[in-house]
Amino acid sequence: MATGEQWVSTEVGQHLRSRRTKDTKPEVQLRSAVHAAGLRFRKHQSVAPRCTPDFVLRRWHIAVFVDGCFWHGCPDHSPRFRGPNAHLWEEKLAANRARDARNTATALEAGWRVVRVWECEVRRDVAAAAQVIRRAAVETRSDSDGVAGGGAP
């Protein structure tokens, strides 16, 4: 942290230590729905230096990120922080959002189409979230010159 502040251990924050960073429940549900829709993917493959999406559809050059509402600052579910670490949490989430924007730009520059899905979208309707990815694949397939997503002609 740039401010030099130290995190204060709190009972409320203890449960965050054991949170998964890969293969979260929304990721697994979305991958299952995408697979059921007939699309094949690879998990956690780098598409550019320091840019590893949750899964990629290599055939269509699509990089999929499933953003957790808490960790990525969902506009509908962004938490209000209180307590001794409030400022540090705000900085942490701002840094996460900056990294998300950087990863999106990096993947786009590398010729990938980027699809970002909020965790709450998956929880609300996993089939609809999978349909967003399927539409991106169809659009990429129809882009015979590969400009939109860098997909194979």
Foldseek 3Di string as FASTA:
>chain_A
DVVPDDDDDDPVCPVVVPDDPAPDPLLVLLQVLLVVVVADWAAQDDLAVPATARIARQQLQEGEHEAECDQQPPVVDDDQDDDDCRVVSVVRNVVNPVVVVVNCVRSVVSQAHYDYHYSVNCVVPSNVSSVVVVVSSVVSVVPCVSVRRNHHD
